[in-house]
Protein backbone atom coordinates (compact mmCIF):
# COMPACT_ATOMS: atom_id res chain seq x y z
CA UNK A 1 -112.77 39.39 90.90
CA UNK A 2 -110.58 37.29 92.87
CA UNK A 3 -113.40 35.56 94.69
CA UNK A 4 -115.09 35.21 91.29
CA UNK A 5 -112.08 33.10 90.11
CA UNK A 6 -111.73 31.06 93.28
CA UNK A 7 -115.38 30.00 92.86
CA UNK A 8 -115.15 29.54 89.21
CA UNK A 9 -111.89 27.23 90.05
CA UNK A 10 -113.60 25.44 92.95
CA UNK A 11 -116.64 24.46 90.79
CA UNK A 12 -114.48 23.31 88.13
CA UNK A 13 -112.56 21.12 90.60
CA UNK A 14 -116.07 19.57 91.87
CA UNK A 15 -117.14 18.89 88.44
CA UNK A 16 -113.91 17.07 87.45
CA UNK A 17 -114.23 15.12 90.89
CA UNK A 18 -117.99 14.50 89.99
CA UNK A 19 -117.07 13.04 86.58
CA UNK A 20 -113.95 10.98 87.95
CA UNK A 21 -115.95 9.50 90.67
CA UNK A 22 -118.88 8.27 87.76
CA UNK A 23 -115.89 7.00 85.73
CA UNK A 24 -114.68 5.03 88.84
CA UNK A 25 -118.01 3.69 89.33
CA UNK A 26 -118.22 2.40 85.78
CA UNK A 27 -114.87 0.59 85.93
CA UNK A 28 -115.70 -1.05 89.38
CA UNK A 29 -119.13 -2.22 87.83
CA UNK A 30 -117.92 -3.42 84.69
CA UNK A 31 -114.09 -3.92 85.09
CA UNK A 32 -113.99 -5.82 81.50
CA UNK A 33 -116.12 -3.56 79.56
CA UNK A 34 -114.01 -1.37 77.33
CA UNK A 35 -117.21 -0.09 75.49
CA UNK A 36 -118.52 1.20 78.75
CA UNK A 37 -115.51 2.66 79.93
CA UNK A 38 -115.03 4.61 76.61
CA UNK A 39 -118.62 6.11 76.71
CA UNK A 40 -117.62 9.00 78.90
CA UNK A 41 -120.63 8.38 81.71
CA UNK A 42 -119.20 11.07 83.75
CA UNK A 43 -119.78 13.85 81.10
CA UNK A 44 -123.09 12.48 80.21
CA UNK A 45 -124.14 12.46 83.80
CA UNK A 46 -122.95 15.94 84.05
CA UNK A 47 -125.09 17.03 80.97
CA UNK A 48 -128.11 15.23 82.38
CA UNK A 49 -127.96 17.55 85.38
CA UNK A 50 -128.59 14.56 87.63
CA UNK A 51 -127.75 13.85 91.40
CA UNK A 52 -128.72 12.14 94.46
CA UNK A 53 -132.81 11.81 94.42
CA UNK A 54 -133.28 12.47 90.90
CA UNK A 55 -135.63 10.63 88.69
CA UNK A 56 -134.15 9.86 85.16
CA UNK A 57 -135.04 7.67 82.31
CA UNK A 58 -132.70 5.13 80.21
CA UNK A 59 -134.63 5.12 77.06
CA UNK A 60 -133.47 2.29 74.65
CA UNK A 61 -131.96 0.72 77.63
CA UNK A 62 -130.69 -2.43 75.83
CA UNK A 63 -129.35 -4.68 78.55
CA UNK A 64 -129.50 -2.29 81.37
CA UNK A 65 -125.97 -1.33 82.06
CA UNK A 66 -126.41 2.35 81.95
CA UNK A 67 -129.11 1.97 84.02
CA UNK A 68 -127.50 0.19 86.63
CA UNK A 69 -124.83 3.34 86.61
CA UNK A 70 -127.49 5.99 86.72
CA UNK A 71 -129.26 3.92 89.96
CA UNK A 72 -125.73 4.56 91.79
CA UNK A 73 -125.70 8.09 90.71
CA UNK A 74 -129.51 9.03 91.79
CA UNK A 75 -129.04 6.78 95.19
CA UNK A 76 -131.96 5.51 97.06
CA UNK A 77 -133.95 8.38 96.76
CA UNK A 78 -133.70 8.85 93.16
CA UNK A 79 -135.34 6.27 90.63
CA UNK A 80 -134.53 5.10 87.22
CA UNK A 81 -136.92 3.98 84.55
CA UNK A 82 -134.94 1.38 82.27
CA UNK A 83 -137.26 1.38 79.00
CA UNK A 84 -136.49 -0.67 75.74
CA UNK A 85 -139.03 -2.02 73.14
CA UNK A 86 -137.12 -5.10 72.61
CA UNK A 87 -137.78 -8.11 74.57
CA UNK A 88 -136.20 -11.01 73.59
CA UNK A 89 -133.60 -13.68 75.25
CA UNK A 90 -130.44 -11.87 74.10
CA UNK A 91 -131.29 -8.17 74.17
CA UNK A 92 -133.81 -5.73 75.80
CA UNK A 93 -136.37 -5.97 78.74
CA UNK A 94 -135.69 -9.63 79.62
CA UNK A 95 -131.94 -9.08 79.72
CA UNK A 96 -132.24 -5.76 81.78
CA UNK A 97 -134.31 -7.02 84.64
CA UNK A 98 -131.69 -9.86 85.06
CA UNK A 99 -128.75 -7.46 84.94
CA UNK A 100 -130.43 -5.25 87.52
CA UNK A 101 -131.36 -7.98 89.76
CA UNK A 102 -127.62 -9.32 89.20
CA UNK A 103 -126.50 -5.91 90.50
CA UNK A 104 -129.08 -5.83 93.29
CA UNK A 105 -130.46 -2.58 91.85
CA UNK A 106 -133.47 -1.77 93.93
CA UNK A 107 -134.35 1.93 92.62
CA UNK A 108 -134.96 1.05 88.56
CA UNK A 109 -138.32 0.13 87.01
CA UNK A 110 -138.08 -1.71 83.92
CA UNK A 111 -140.48 -0.53 81.05
CA UNK A 112 -141.53 -2.59 78.02
CA UNK A 113 -141.89 0.69 75.69
CA UNK A 114 -143.79 0.90 72.07
CA UNK A 115 -141.94 2.18 68.99
CA UNK A 116 -143.80 5.53 69.40
CA UNK A 117 -144.12 5.85 73.19
CA UNK A 118 -141.44 4.87 76.08
CA UNK A 119 -144.47 4.94 78.49
CA UNK A 120 -142.54 7.25 81.08
CA UNK A 121 -144.64 8.98 83.87
CA UNK A 122 -145.86 12.40 82.79
CA UNK A 123 -144.20 15.18 84.06
CA UNK A 124 -141.93 13.28 86.81
CA UNK A 125 -138.58 13.30 85.26
CA UNK A 126 -135.49 15.40 85.34
CA UNK A 127 -133.75 13.73 82.66
CA UNK A 128 -133.65 11.27 80.10
CA UNK A 129 -130.70 9.59 78.19
CA UNK A 130 -130.75 7.96 74.75
CA UNK A 131 -127.25 6.42 73.88
CA UNK A 132 -126.79 4.73 70.75
CA UNK A 133 -130.55 4.11 70.09
CA UNK A 134 -132.02 7.47 68.69
CA UNK A 135 -131.22 6.29 65.22
CA UNK A 136 -133.35 3.38 65.70
CA UNK A 137 -136.37 5.33 66.23
CA UNK A 138 -138.42 6.01 62.75
CA UNK A 139 -141.31 7.17 64.85
CA UNK A 140 -138.97 10.10 66.54
CA UNK A 141 -141.59 12.72 66.43
CA UNK A 142 -143.71 11.01 68.57
CA UNK A 143 -140.99 9.52 70.82
CA UNK A 144 -139.59 13.10 71.53
CA UNK A 145 -143.12 14.35 71.98
CA UNK A 146 -143.62 11.61 74.79
CA UNK A 147 -140.44 12.58 76.23
CA UNK A 148 -141.18 16.05 76.42
CA UNK A 149 -144.13 15.37 78.43
CA UNK A 150 -142.31 13.31 81.00
CA UNK A 151 -139.78 15.80 81.92
CA UNK A 152 -140.24 18.36 84.26
CA UNK A 153 -140.11 22.13 83.45
CA UNK A 154 -136.16 22.38 82.88
CA UNK A 155 -135.77 18.78 82.42
CA UNK A 156 -133.11 17.86 80.28
CA UNK A 157 -132.71 15.15 77.28
CA UNK A 158 -129.32 14.13 76.45
CA UNK A 159 -128.63 11.89 73.37
CA UNK A 160 -125.28 10.17 72.00
CA UNK A 161 -125.44 8.60 68.84
CA UNK A 162 -123.16 7.34 66.05
CA UNK A 163 -121.43 9.85 63.82
CA UNK A 164 -121.93 9.20 59.89
CA UNK A 165 -119.05 9.56 57.51
CA UNK A 166 -119.59 8.41 54.04
CA UNK A 167 -123.47 8.97 54.23
CA UNK A 168 -123.55 12.30 56.30
CA UNK A 169 -125.46 14.07 53.63
CA UNK A 170 -128.19 11.46 52.41
CA UNK A 171 -131.37 11.10 53.47
CA UNK A 172 -132.33 10.31 57.14
CA UNK A 173 -133.53 6.72 56.43
CA UNK A 174 -130.25 6.00 54.36
CA UNK A 175 -128.44 7.12 57.26
CA UNK A 176 -130.27 5.03 59.88
CA UNK A 177 -129.97 1.97 57.99
CA UNK A 178 -126.22 2.05 58.54
CA UNK A 179 -126.97 2.67 62.01
CA UNK A 180 -125.94 6.45 62.17
CA UNK A 181 -127.30 9.77 62.30
CA UNK A 182 -126.02 13.23 61.52
CA UNK A 183 -126.07 15.76 64.53
CA UNK A 184 -127.33 18.22 62.31
CA UNK A 185 -130.53 16.37 61.47
CA UNK A 186 -130.93 15.35 64.80
CA UNK A 187 -130.63 18.93 66.15
CA UNK A 188 -133.22 20.13 63.74
CA UNK A 189 -135.56 17.33 64.78
CA UNK A 190 -134.92 18.26 68.72
CA UNK A 191 -135.65 22.09 67.98
CA UNK A 192 -138.67 21.22 65.73
CA UNK A 193 -140.01 19.08 69.02
CA UNK A 194 -139.79 22.31 71.01
CA UNK A 195 -136.46 21.74 72.99
CA UNK A 196 -133.62 24.34 73.13
CA UNK A 197 -130.17 23.02 72.82
CA UNK A 198 -127.72 23.50 75.83
CA UNK A 199 -124.71 21.71 74.48
CA UNK A 200 -123.45 20.09 71.66
CA UNK A 201 -120.47 18.14 70.96
CA UNK A 202 -119.81 16.59 67.42
CA UNK A 203 -116.84 14.57 68.43
CA UNK A 204 -117.87 13.72 71.92
CA UNK A 205 -116.22 10.16 71.65
CA UNK A 206 -113.68 9.93 68.68
CA UNK A 207 -111.81 6.51 68.53
CA UNK A 208 -109.60 6.70 65.48
CA UNK A 209 -108.37 2.77 66.15
CA UNK A 210 -111.99 1.68 65.58
CA UNK A 211 -112.92 4.34 62.86
CA UNK A 212 -115.90 5.17 65.16
CA UNK A 213 -117.04 8.42 66.59
CA UNK A 214 -120.20 9.51 68.41
CA UNK A 215 -121.45 12.97 68.80
CA UNK A 216 -123.57 14.09 72.07
CA UNK A 217 -126.32 16.68 72.05
CA UNK A 218 -128.12 17.95 75.43
CA UNK A 219 -131.21 19.63 75.15
CA UNK A 220 -133.79 21.28 77.95
CA UNK A 221 -137.73 21.50 78.15
CA UNK A 222 -138.94 25.15 78.54
C-alpha cells in the first residue's frame, strides 16, 4: 500500500512538472499573448496524451500558434498537421505557414482542409486538437467521421470551446451563430460519432473578468 501511494504521488508530480514545462514553453514562445497563457496548454497536452515522437493534428489551426507549441512537445521525431479551411491574408493557412517559418518549425505540415473534411492522413494520428473552432463546423458529422478515421485505435480527440450562457438551451444553430456551443450538445455528437468520453470539464477555463468561459471534452477512438 505504501509503495502504491508513493507511485501515485510520483506520477502526480511528473504530470504537474510536464504541465508546468508546457506552460513555460508557451510563455517563452509568446510572452506577450495573454490569450495563449490563459488557454491551459499543459492540461490540453495531458489530455491529448502526446509525447516526443507523437503525431498530432491542430484542426482549425488559425494562425498556427498552437501548432508551434505542439511541434515542441512532439519533437523532431514527431509530426504536427496544422489544418484550416481559411486561407486569407489575415487568418488561416497563409498566416500559419508564415508563423511556422518564423518559429523555425521543421516538423509541421500545413493543410488546406475542406468544410467537411480536414484531409488528415488515415489511421496515422495519435491525437487531434480542436480549440475554439468546433462551433464553426456546421458539417460536424462529416468532420468527426474523418477525424475518427485519421486516428489510430486508442487515439484521442480533445475539444475546447466557448461555453454558452444565455443561449445554452437554444438550438445548435442559434448557439453557433453566437460563436458558442453547449458541452451537452457536443458530448452527444461525439458519442453519436462513435467516440467514448474520457474526460469532461465544463469550467475548463473560467475568466469572470472577461465574462468568458470554455469547456473541454476529451474522447477516445475505440
